[in-house]
Amino acid sequence: MKTKLILYPLLIFSIIFFIFLYLLMTERDPAKIPSALINKKVPIFTAESVIDKKIFVSQNEFNEKTTIVNFFATWCGPCREEHVYLKKLSNDKKLKIIGINYKDDPKKTIQWLNKLGNPYSYVISDNNGRLGIDWGVYGIPETFIVSSKGVIKYKLVGPITKRNYDAFYSKALESEK
């Protein structure tokens, strides 16, 4: 009877230990969170532009060339770090970049863009986070690649960095295939 009392907890502990060991040893990339929107049309929405207060209509904007949609905020440290790479992407005339300013102060956003440079064709406001929900955003920064046919081809969770820039840029160029 005493041996059963000792063996059961030891067995349970061993099982839990090996599960944790397995999870630690397997390679998992948190940036590869699946998205239900891949190969689906862009959500239909309207939003106000942060800079000129014009109304942005999604149905009019995702049909001419590959578009990168970047959810960002001034209060987001990784967003500041990836900004250099967004500016680099904006130099490619085959790409259009739309920034969605997520739960942020528009005045601070304008100051931030004036200071760091504006890589975006449009900067639209998502003050209440509704667009983030429609796009399936978990946290920012998140960046989507949308084909010229308005189909979401790729989602990057986390910032564009020196380490992943080339792969991201290649995916953007390949999105039309």
N, C-alpha and C. Protein backbone atom coordinates (compact mmCIF):
# COMPACT_ATOMS: atom_id res chain seq x y z
N MET A 1 0.82 -1.20 0.00
CA MET A 1 0.00 0.00 0.00
C MET A 1 0.87 1.26 0.00
N LYS A 2 1.94 1.23 0.83
CA LYS A 2 2.83 2.39 0.89
C LYS A 2 3.54 2.62 -0.44
N THR A 3 3.89 1.55 -1.12
CA THR A 3 4.59 1.71 -2.39
C THR A 3 3.69 2.34 -3.45
N LYS A 4 2.40 2.03 -3.42
CA LYS A 4 1.45 2.66 -4.35
C LYS A 4 1.34 4.15 -4.09
N LEU A 5 1.34 4.53 -2.82
CA LEU A 5 1.27 5.96 -2.47
C LEU A 5 2.51 6.70 -2.95
N ILE A 6 3.62 6.02 -3.03
CA ILE A 6 4.85 6.66 -3.49
C ILE A 6 4.94 6.62 -5.01
N LEU A 7 4.53 5.51 -5.62
CA LEU A 7 4.66 5.36 -7.07
C LEU A 7 3.72 6.26 -7.88
N TYR A 8 2.49 6.44 -7.45
CA TYR A 8 1.55 7.27 -8.21
C TYR A 8 2.01 8.73 -8.34
N PRO A 9 2.36 9.39 -7.25
CA PRO A 9 2.87 10.78 -7.41
C PRO A 9 4.15 10.84 -8.23
N LEU A 10 5.02 9.85 -8.07
CA LEU A 10 6.25 9.81 -8.84
C LEU A 10 5.96 9.64 -10.33
N LEU A 11 5.00 8.79 -10.66
CA LEU A 11 4.60 8.58 -12.04
C LEU A 11 3.99 9.86 -12.64
N ILE A 12 3.13 10.50 -11.92
CA ILE A 12 2.50 11.75 -12.39
C ILE A 12 3.55 12.83 -12.57
N PHE A 13 4.45 12.96 -11.61
CA PHE A 13 5.53 13.95 -11.71
C PHE A 13 6.39 13.67 -12.94
N SER A 14 6.72 12.42 -13.19
CA SER A 14 7.55 12.05 -14.34
C SER A 14 6.86 12.41 -15.65
N ILE A 15 5.58 12.13 -15.75
CA ILE A 15 4.84 12.46 -16.97
C ILE A 15 4.85 13.97 -17.22
N ILE A 16 4.55 14.73 -16.19
CA ILE A 16 4.56 16.20 -16.32
C ILE A 16 5.95 16.70 -16.67
N PHE A 17 6.97 16.16 -16.05
CA PHE A 17 8.35 16.55 -16.32
C PHE A 17 8.70 16.32 -17.79
N PHE A 18 8.36 15.15 -18.34
CA PHE A 18 8.70 14.85 -19.72
C PHE A 18 7.89 15.69 -20.72
N ILE A 19 6.68 16.06 -20.36
CA ILE A 19 5.90 16.96 -21.21
C ILE A 19 6.57 18.32 -21.29
N PHE A 20 6.96 18.88 -20.14
CA PHE A 20 7.65 20.17 -20.13
C PHE A 20 8.99 20.10 -20.86
N LEU A 21 9.72 19.01 -20.68
CA LEU A 21 11.00 18.83 -21.36
C LEU A 21 10.80 18.80 -22.88
N TYR A 22 9.79 18.10 -23.34
CA TYR A 22 9.48 18.05 -24.76
C TYR A 22 9.15 19.45 -25.30
N LEU A 23 8.33 20.20 -24.58
CA LEU A 23 7.94 21.53 -25.03
C LEU A 23 9.14 22.48 -25.07
N LEU A 24 10.07 22.31 -24.16
CA LEU A 24 11.27 23.15 -24.16
C LEU A 24 12.21 22.82 -25.30
N MET A 25 12.24 21.58 -25.70
CA MET A 25 13.19 21.14 -26.72
C MET A 25 12.70 21.34 -28.14
N THR A 26 11.39 21.41 -28.33
CA THR A 26 10.89 21.59 -29.69
C THR A 26 11.01 23.04 -30.09
N GLU A 27 11.31 23.27 -31.36
CA GLU A 27 11.43 24.64 -31.86
C GLU A 27 10.06 25.16 -32.22
N ARG A 28 9.69 26.25 -31.58
CA ARG A 28 8.42 26.89 -31.87
C ARG A 28 8.69 28.35 -32.13
N ASP A 29 8.10 28.88 -33.17
CA ASP A 29 8.28 30.27 -33.53
C ASP A 29 6.99 31.03 -33.22
N PRO A 30 7.02 31.94 -32.22
CA PRO A 30 5.80 32.65 -31.86
C PRO A 30 5.30 33.57 -32.98
N ALA A 31 6.15 33.88 -33.96
CA ALA A 31 5.71 34.73 -35.07
C ALA A 31 4.87 33.94 -36.08
N LYS A 32 4.81 32.63 -35.94
CA LYS A 32 4.06 31.81 -36.89
C LYS A 32 2.72 31.39 -36.29
N ILE A 33 1.98 32.36 -35.86
CA ILE A 33 0.63 32.10 -35.36
C ILE A 33 -0.28 32.03 -36.58
N PRO A 34 -1.03 30.97 -36.74
CA PRO A 34 -1.86 30.85 -37.94
C PRO A 34 -2.95 31.92 -37.98
N SER A 35 -3.31 32.31 -39.18
CA SER A 35 -4.37 33.28 -39.35
C SER A 35 -5.48 32.68 -40.20
N ALA A 36 -6.69 32.85 -39.76
CA ALA A 36 -7.84 32.36 -40.52
C ALA A 36 -8.07 33.19 -41.79
N LEU A 37 -7.39 34.33 -41.90
CA LEU A 37 -7.60 35.23 -43.04
C LEU A 37 -6.69 34.94 -44.23
N ILE A 38 -5.70 34.07 -44.06
CA ILE A 38 -4.80 33.79 -45.17
C ILE A 38 -5.61 33.21 -46.34
N ASN A 39 -5.34 33.76 -47.53
CA ASN A 39 -6.04 33.41 -48.78
C ASN A 39 -7.51 33.81 -48.79
N LYS A 40 -7.85 34.77 -47.97
CA LYS A 40 -9.21 35.34 -47.96
C LYS A 40 -9.11 36.82 -48.32
N LYS A 41 -10.22 37.37 -48.76
CA LYS A 41 -10.28 38.79 -49.11
C LYS A 41 -10.08 39.66 -47.87
N VAL A 42 -9.56 40.85 -48.10
CA VAL A 42 -9.37 41.83 -47.04
C VAL A 42 -10.72 42.20 -46.44
N PRO A 43 -10.80 42.37 -45.13
CA PRO A 43 -12.07 42.83 -44.54
C PRO A 43 -12.50 44.16 -45.16
N ILE A 44 -13.79 44.32 -45.34
CA ILE A 44 -14.33 45.57 -45.87
C ILE A 44 -14.52 46.53 -44.71
N PHE A 45 -13.96 47.74 -44.86
CA PHE A 45 -14.06 48.72 -43.78
C PHE A 45 -13.85 50.13 -44.31
N THR A 46 -14.26 51.08 -43.53
CA THR A 46 -13.94 52.49 -43.77
C THR A 46 -13.31 53.00 -42.48
N ALA A 47 -12.41 53.94 -42.62
CA ALA A 47 -11.74 54.51 -41.46
C ALA A 47 -11.25 55.91 -41.81
N GLU A 48 -11.00 56.69 -40.79
CA GLU A 48 -10.53 58.05 -41.00
C GLU A 48 -9.01 58.08 -41.06
N SER A 49 -8.49 58.85 -42.00
CA SER A 49 -7.06 59.04 -42.12
C SER A 49 -6.56 59.90 -40.96
N VAL A 50 -5.44 59.52 -40.39
CA VAL A 50 -4.88 60.26 -39.25
C VAL A 50 -4.37 61.63 -39.69
N ILE A 51 -3.76 61.70 -40.86
CA ILE A 51 -3.08 62.93 -41.27
C ILE A 51 -4.02 63.95 -41.88
N ASP A 52 -4.83 63.55 -42.87
CA ASP A 52 -5.67 64.54 -43.55
C ASP A 52 -7.17 64.40 -43.26
N LYS A 53 -7.53 63.48 -42.37
CA LYS A 53 -8.92 63.28 -41.92
C LYS A 53 -9.87 62.85 -43.03
N LYS A 54 -9.34 62.38 -44.18
CA LYS A 54 -10.19 61.87 -45.24
C LYS A 54 -10.66 60.46 -44.88
N ILE A 55 -11.71 60.02 -45.53
CA ILE A 55 -12.24 58.69 -45.29
C ILE A 55 -11.54 57.69 -46.21
N PHE A 56 -11.01 56.65 -45.62
CA PHE A 56 -10.34 55.57 -46.32
C PHE A 56 -11.37 54.46 -46.53
N VAL A 57 -11.54 54.02 -47.78
CA VAL A 57 -12.50 52.96 -48.12
C VAL A 57 -11.68 51.77 -48.63
N SER A 58 -11.72 50.68 -47.89
CA SER A 58 -10.86 49.53 -48.21
C SER A 58 -11.12 48.97 -49.62
N GLN A 59 -12.36 48.98 -50.06
CA GLN A 59 -12.68 48.41 -51.37
C GLN A 59 -11.98 49.15 -52.51
N ASN A 60 -11.58 50.39 -52.28
CA ASN A 60 -10.92 51.18 -53.32
C ASN A 60 -9.40 51.06 -53.28
N GLU A 61 -8.83 50.47 -52.24
CA GLU A 61 -7.39 50.55 -52.03
C GLU A 61 -6.60 49.26 -52.21
N PHE A 62 -7.26 48.13 -52.22
CA PHE A 62 -6.55 46.85 -52.29
C PHE A 62 -6.75 46.18 -53.64
N ASN A 63 -6.51 46.93 -54.73
CA ASN A 63 -6.77 46.36 -56.04
C ASN A 63 -5.77 46.75 -57.11
N GLU A 64 -4.74 47.48 -56.78
CA GLU A 64 -3.84 47.90 -57.85
C GLU A 64 -2.44 47.30 -57.76
N LYS A 65 -1.92 47.10 -56.56
CA LYS A 65 -0.60 46.50 -56.40
C LYS A 65 -0.49 45.83 -55.04
N THR A 66 0.57 45.10 -54.84
CA THR A 66 0.78 44.44 -53.55
C THR A 66 0.81 45.49 -52.45
N THR A 67 0.07 45.23 -51.39
CA THR A 67 -0.05 46.18 -50.29
C THR A 67 0.39 45.52 -49.00
N ILE A 68 1.17 46.26 -48.25
CA ILE A 68 1.59 45.83 -46.92
C ILE A 68 0.75 46.61 -45.92
N VAL A 69 0.10 45.92 -45.02
CA VAL A 69 -0.72 46.56 -43.99
C VAL A 69 -0.03 46.34 -42.66
N ASN A 70 0.34 47.45 -42.02
CA ASN A 70 1.11 47.39 -40.78
C ASN A 70 0.33 48.02 -39.63
N PHE A 71 0.03 47.20 -38.61
CA PHE A 71 -0.59 47.71 -37.39
C PHE A 71 0.51 48.18 -36.47
N PHE A 72 0.44 49.46 -36.04
CA PHE A 72 1.51 50.04 -35.23
C PHE A 72 0.93 51.06 -34.25
N ALA A 73 1.78 51.49 -33.31
CA ALA A 73 1.41 52.56 -32.37
C ALA A 73 2.68 53.24 -31.90
N THR A 74 2.55 54.49 -31.49
CA THR A 74 3.70 55.23 -31.00
C THR A 74 4.19 54.70 -29.66
N TRP A 75 3.33 54.09 -28.89
CA TRP A 75 3.69 53.58 -27.58
C TRP A 75 4.33 52.19 -27.64
N CYS A 76 4.48 51.65 -28.83
CA CYS A 76 5.00 50.29 -29.05
C CYS A 76 6.49 50.35 -29.40
N GLY A 77 7.33 49.83 -28.51
CA GLY A 77 8.78 49.82 -28.73
C GLY A 77 9.20 49.07 -29.98
N PRO A 78 8.73 47.84 -30.20
CA PRO A 78 9.10 47.12 -31.41
C PRO A 78 8.64 47.82 -32.70
N CYS A 79 7.56 48.61 -32.61
CA CYS A 79 7.10 49.36 -33.80
C CYS A 79 8.15 50.39 -34.21
N ARG A 80 8.76 51.01 -33.22
CA ARG A 80 9.81 51.99 -33.50
C ARG A 80 11.00 51.30 -34.16
N GLU A 81 11.35 50.11 -33.66
CA GLU A 81 12.48 49.37 -34.20
C GLU A 81 12.24 48.93 -35.65
N GLU A 82 11.02 48.54 -35.98
CA GLU A 82 10.74 48.05 -37.33
C GLU A 82 10.55 49.20 -38.33
N HIS A 83 10.40 50.41 -37.85
CA HIS A 83 10.10 51.56 -38.71
C HIS A 83 11.15 51.74 -39.81
N VAL A 84 12.40 51.50 -39.49
CA VAL A 84 13.49 51.60 -40.48
C VAL A 84 13.24 50.66 -41.65
N TYR A 85 12.77 49.47 -41.36
CA TYR A 85 12.55 48.47 -42.41
C TYR A 85 11.29 48.78 -43.22
N LEU A 86 10.31 49.39 -42.60
CA LEU A 86 9.14 49.85 -43.35
C LEU A 86 9.53 50.96 -44.33
N LYS A 87 10.41 51.85 -43.88
CA LYS A 87 10.89 52.90 -44.78
C LYS A 87 11.66 52.30 -45.95
N LYS A 88 12.42 51.26 -45.67
CA LYS A 88 13.17 50.58 -46.73
C LYS A 88 12.20 49.93 -47.73
N LEU A 89 11.14 49.30 -47.23
CA LEU A 89 10.13 48.69 -48.10
C LEU A 89 9.41 49.74 -48.94
N SER A 90 9.22 50.93 -48.37
CA SER A 90 8.49 51.99 -49.08
C SER A 90 9.24 52.51 -50.30
N ASN A 91 10.52 52.20 -50.40
CA ASN A 91 11.30 52.61 -51.57
C ASN A 91 10.97 51.78 -52.81
N ASP A 92 10.36 50.62 -52.63
CA ASP A 92 9.98 49.77 -53.76
C ASP A 92 8.64 50.25 -54.30
N LYS A 93 8.64 50.76 -55.51
CA LYS A 93 7.43 51.33 -56.11
C LYS A 93 6.37 50.28 -56.47
N LYS A 94 6.75 48.98 -56.39
CA LYS A 94 5.77 47.93 -56.65
C LYS A 94 4.91 47.66 -55.42
N LEU A 95 5.29 48.25 -54.30
CA LEU A 95 4.58 48.02 -53.03
C LEU A 95 3.91 49.28 -52.54
N LYS A 96 2.79 49.10 -51.88
CA LYS A 96 2.11 50.20 -51.19
C LYS A 96 2.02 49.77 -49.72
N ILE A 97 2.24 50.72 -48.81
CA ILE A 97 2.18 50.40 -47.39
C ILE A 97 1.09 51.23 -46.74
N ILE A 98 0.19 50.54 -46.06
CA ILE A 98 -0.87 51.20 -45.30
C ILE A 98 -0.61 50.97 -43.82
N GLY A 99 -0.55 52.04 -43.07
CA GLY A 99 -0.36 51.94 -41.63
C GLY A 99 -1.70 52.06 -40.93
N ILE A 100 -1.96 51.17 -40.00
CA ILE A 100 -3.16 51.26 -39.18
C ILE A 100 -2.70 51.57 -37.76
N ASN A 101 -2.99 52.79 -37.35
CA ASN A 101 -2.56 53.30 -36.06
C ASN A 101 -3.51 52.75 -34.98
N TYR A 102 -2.99 51.82 -34.19
CA TYR A 102 -3.79 51.01 -33.28
C TYR A 102 -3.87 51.62 -31.88
N LYS A 103 -5.08 52.01 -31.48
CA LYS A 103 -5.37 52.53 -30.12
C LYS A 103 -4.33 53.55 -29.68
N ASP A 104 -4.21 54.60 -30.47
CA ASP A 104 -3.16 55.59 -30.24
C ASP A 104 -3.71 57.00 -30.37
N ASP A 105 -2.95 57.96 -29.90
CA ASP A 105 -3.30 59.38 -29.99
C ASP A 105 -2.87 59.91 -31.37
N PRO A 106 -3.80 60.39 -32.18
CA PRO A 106 -3.45 60.87 -33.53
C PRO A 106 -2.39 61.99 -33.52
N LYS A 107 -2.43 62.86 -32.54
CA LYS A 107 -1.43 63.95 -32.48
C LYS A 107 -0.03 63.39 -32.27
N LYS A 108 0.09 62.42 -31.37
CA LYS A 108 1.39 61.79 -31.13
C LYS A 108 1.86 61.04 -32.38
N THR A 109 0.91 60.43 -33.09
CA THR A 109 1.24 59.69 -34.30
C THR A 109 1.83 60.61 -35.36
N ILE A 110 1.21 61.77 -35.55
CA ILE A 110 1.71 62.73 -36.54
C ILE A 110 3.11 63.21 -36.15
N GLN A 111 3.33 63.51 -34.87
CA GLN A 111 4.65 63.92 -34.40
C GLN A 111 5.68 62.81 -34.63
N TRP A 112 5.30 61.58 -34.33
CA TRP A 112 6.18 60.42 -34.47
C TRP A 112 6.59 60.24 -35.93
N LEU A 113 5.61 60.34 -36.84
CA LEU A 113 5.90 60.18 -38.26
C LEU A 113 6.74 61.34 -38.80
N ASN A 114 6.50 62.54 -38.30
CA ASN A 114 7.32 63.68 -38.72
C ASN A 114 8.77 63.49 -38.28
N LYS A 115 8.96 62.92 -37.10
CA LYS A 115 10.31 62.72 -36.56
C LYS A 115 11.03 61.56 -37.25
N LEU A 116 10.35 60.42 -37.44
CA LEU A 116 10.99 59.21 -37.96
C LEU A 116 10.85 59.05 -39.48
N GLY A 117 9.96 59.81 -40.09
CA GLY A 117 9.67 59.65 -41.52
C GLY A 117 8.40 58.83 -41.69
N ASN A 118 7.71 59.08 -42.79
CA ASN A 118 6.44 58.42 -43.03
C ASN A 118 6.56 57.46 -44.22
N PRO A 119 6.64 56.14 -43.95
CA PRO A 119 6.74 55.17 -45.05
C PRO A 119 5.38 54.79 -45.64
N TYR A 120 4.30 55.30 -45.05
CA TYR A 120 2.95 54.85 -45.40
C TYR A 120 2.32 55.68 -46.51
N SER A 121 1.57 55.01 -47.39
CA SER A 121 0.75 55.70 -48.38
C SER A 121 -0.45 56.32 -47.67
N TYR A 122 -0.97 55.59 -46.70
CA TYR A 122 -2.09 56.04 -45.87
C TYR A 122 -1.79 55.64 -44.44
N VAL A 123 -2.22 56.48 -43.51
CA VAL A 123 -2.19 56.14 -42.09
C VAL A 123 -3.62 56.32 -41.60
N ILE A 124 -4.24 55.21 -41.24
CA ILE A 124 -5.62 55.29 -40.79
C ILE A 124 -5.71 54.96 -39.30
N SER A 125 -6.75 55.46 -38.70
CA SER A 125 -6.91 55.35 -37.26
C SER A 125 -7.78 54.15 -36.87
N ASP A 126 -7.33 53.46 -35.84
CA ASP A 126 -8.11 52.37 -35.24
C ASP A 126 -8.16 52.62 -33.73
N ASN A 127 -8.81 53.72 -33.35
CA ASN A 127 -8.84 54.13 -31.95
C ASN A 127 -9.47 53.11 -31.02
N ASN A 128 -10.52 52.44 -31.47
CA ASN A 128 -11.22 51.51 -30.58
C ASN A 128 -10.78 50.06 -30.77
N GLY A 129 -9.86 49.78 -31.68
CA GLY A 129 -9.35 48.43 -31.89
C GLY A 129 -10.22 47.54 -32.74
N ARG A 130 -11.27 48.09 -33.32
CA ARG A 130 -12.20 47.30 -34.13
C ARG A 130 -11.54 46.70 -35.38
N LEU A 131 -10.70 47.51 -36.05
CA LEU A 131 -10.01 47.00 -37.24
C LEU A 131 -9.06 45.86 -36.85
N GLY A 132 -8.40 46.02 -35.72
CA GLY A 132 -7.53 44.96 -35.23
C GLY A 132 -8.27 43.66 -35.04
N ILE A 133 -9.48 43.74 -34.52
CA ILE A 133 -10.31 42.54 -34.33
C ILE A 133 -10.68 41.94 -35.68
N ASP A 134 -11.10 42.80 -36.62
CA ASP A 134 -11.49 42.32 -37.96
C ASP A 134 -10.34 41.62 -38.69
N TRP A 135 -9.11 42.11 -38.45
CA TRP A 135 -7.94 41.55 -39.11
C TRP A 135 -7.34 40.39 -38.30
N GLY A 136 -7.85 40.13 -37.11
CA GLY A 136 -7.32 39.03 -36.29
C GLY A 136 -5.99 39.35 -35.64
N VAL A 137 -5.80 40.61 -35.26
CA VAL A 137 -4.54 41.03 -34.66
C VAL A 137 -4.48 40.58 -33.20
N TYR A 138 -3.36 39.95 -32.83
CA TYR A 138 -3.14 39.49 -31.46
C TYR A 138 -2.48 40.58 -30.62
N GLY A 139 -1.58 41.30 -31.22
CA GLY A 139 -0.82 42.36 -30.56
C GLY A 139 -0.01 43.06 -31.63
N ILE A 140 0.56 44.19 -31.28
CA ILE A 140 1.28 44.91 -32.32
C ILE A 140 2.78 44.89 -32.05
N PRO A 141 3.59 45.03 -33.06
CA PRO A 141 3.23 45.19 -34.46
C PRO A 141 2.85 43.86 -35.10
N GLU A 142 1.96 43.96 -36.05
CA GLU A 142 1.63 42.85 -36.94
C GLU A 142 1.53 43.42 -38.34
N THR A 143 2.00 42.65 -39.30
CA THR A 143 2.06 43.12 -40.68
C THR A 143 1.51 42.06 -41.62
N PHE A 144 0.68 42.49 -42.55
CA PHE A 144 0.04 41.61 -43.52
C PHE A 144 0.52 41.95 -44.92
N ILE A 145 0.62 40.94 -45.76
CA ILE A 145 0.89 41.16 -47.18
C ILE A 145 -0.40 40.82 -47.92
N VAL A 146 -0.87 41.79 -48.73
CA VAL A 146 -2.12 41.64 -49.48
C VAL A 146 -1.80 41.73 -50.97
N SER A 147 -2.27 40.77 -51.74
CA SER A 147 -2.02 40.76 -53.18
C SER A 147 -2.80 41.89 -53.86
N SER A 148 -2.49 42.12 -55.13
CA SER A 148 -3.20 43.16 -55.89
C SER A 148 -4.66 42.81 -56.13
N LYS A 149 -5.04 41.58 -55.84
CA LYS A 149 -6.43 41.16 -55.96
C LYS A 149 -7.19 41.30 -54.63
N GLY A 150 -6.51 41.87 -53.62
CA GLY A 150 -7.15 42.09 -52.33
C GLY A 150 -7.22 40.85 -51.46
N VAL A 151 -6.32 39.89 -51.69
CA VAL A 151 -6.30 38.65 -50.92
C VAL A 151 -5.11 38.68 -49.96
N ILE A 152 -5.37 38.37 -48.69
CA ILE A 152 -4.31 38.34 -47.68
C ILE A 152 -3.46 37.09 -47.92
N LYS A 153 -2.16 37.30 -48.13
CA LYS A 153 -1.26 36.20 -48.46
C LYS A 153 -0.36 35.79 -47.31
N TYR A 154 -0.09 36.70 -46.39
CA TYR A 154 0.88 36.40 -45.33
C TYR A 154 0.64 37.32 -44.13
N LYS A 155 0.95 36.80 -42.96
CA LYS A 155 0.84 37.59 -41.73
C LYS A 155 2.12 37.39 -40.92
N LEU A 156 2.74 38.49 -40.53
CA LEU A 156 3.91 38.46 -39.66
C LEU A 156 3.50 39.01 -38.30
N VAL A 157 3.63 38.18 -37.28
CA VAL A 157 3.37 38.61 -35.91
C VAL A 157 4.71 39.07 -35.35
N GLY A 158 4.75 40.29 -34.83
CA GLY A 158 6.00 40.85 -34.33
C GLY A 158 6.61 41.79 -35.35
N PRO A 159 7.72 42.39 -35.00
CA PRO A 159 8.32 43.40 -35.87
C PRO A 159 9.08 42.82 -37.06
N ILE A 160 9.17 43.62 -38.10
CA ILE A 160 10.09 43.33 -39.20
C ILE A 160 11.46 43.74 -38.68
N THR A 161 12.41 42.83 -38.74
CA THR A 161 13.75 43.08 -38.20
C THR A 161 14.81 42.79 -39.26
N LYS A 162 16.04 43.07 -38.92
CA LYS A 162 17.15 42.76 -39.81
C LYS A 162 17.16 41.27 -40.12
N ARG A 163 16.82 40.47 -39.14
CA ARG A 163 16.85 39.01 -39.27
C ARG A 163 15.78 38.48 -40.24
N ASN A 164 14.60 39.09 -40.26
CA ASN A 164 13.52 38.54 -41.10
C ASN A 164 13.16 39.44 -42.29
N TYR A 165 13.86 40.55 -42.47
CA TYR A 165 13.52 41.50 -43.54
C TYR A 165 13.57 40.86 -44.93
N ASP A 166 14.66 40.17 -45.25
CA ASP A 166 14.80 39.60 -46.60
C ASP A 166 13.70 38.59 -46.90
N ALA A 167 13.39 37.74 -45.93
CA ALA A 167 12.33 36.74 -46.13
C ALA A 167 10.98 37.43 -46.30
N PHE A 168 10.72 38.47 -45.50
CA PHE A 168 9.46 39.19 -45.60
C PHE A 168 9.34 39.87 -46.96
N TYR A 169 10.41 40.54 -47.38
CA TYR A 169 10.42 41.23 -48.67
C TYR A 169 10.19 40.24 -49.82
N SER A 170 10.81 39.07 -49.74
CA SER A 170 10.61 38.03 -50.76
C SER A 170 9.15 37.59 -50.81
N LYS A 171 8.54 37.41 -49.64
CA LYS A 171 7.12 37.01 -49.59
C LYS A 171 6.24 38.09 -50.22
N ALA A 172 6.59 39.35 -50.00
CA ALA A 172 5.82 40.44 -50.59
C ALA A 172 5.90 40.40 -52.12
N LEU A 173 7.10 40.17 -52.63
CA LEU A 173 7.28 40.12 -54.08
C LEU A 173 6.61 38.88 -54.68
N GLU A 174 6.56 37.79 -53.93
CA GLU A 174 5.97 36.54 -54.42
C GLU A 174 4.46 36.48 -54.26
N SER A 175 3.88 37.46 -53.62
CA SER A 175 2.44 37.40 -53.31
C SER A 175 1.56 37.42 -54.56
N GLU A 176 2.10 37.81 -55.68
CA GLU A 176 1.31 37.86 -56.91
C GLU A 176 1.32 36.54 -57.66
N LYS A 177 2.14 35.62 -57.22
CA LYS A 177 2.25 34.32 -57.93
C LYS A 177 1.14 33.38 -57.54
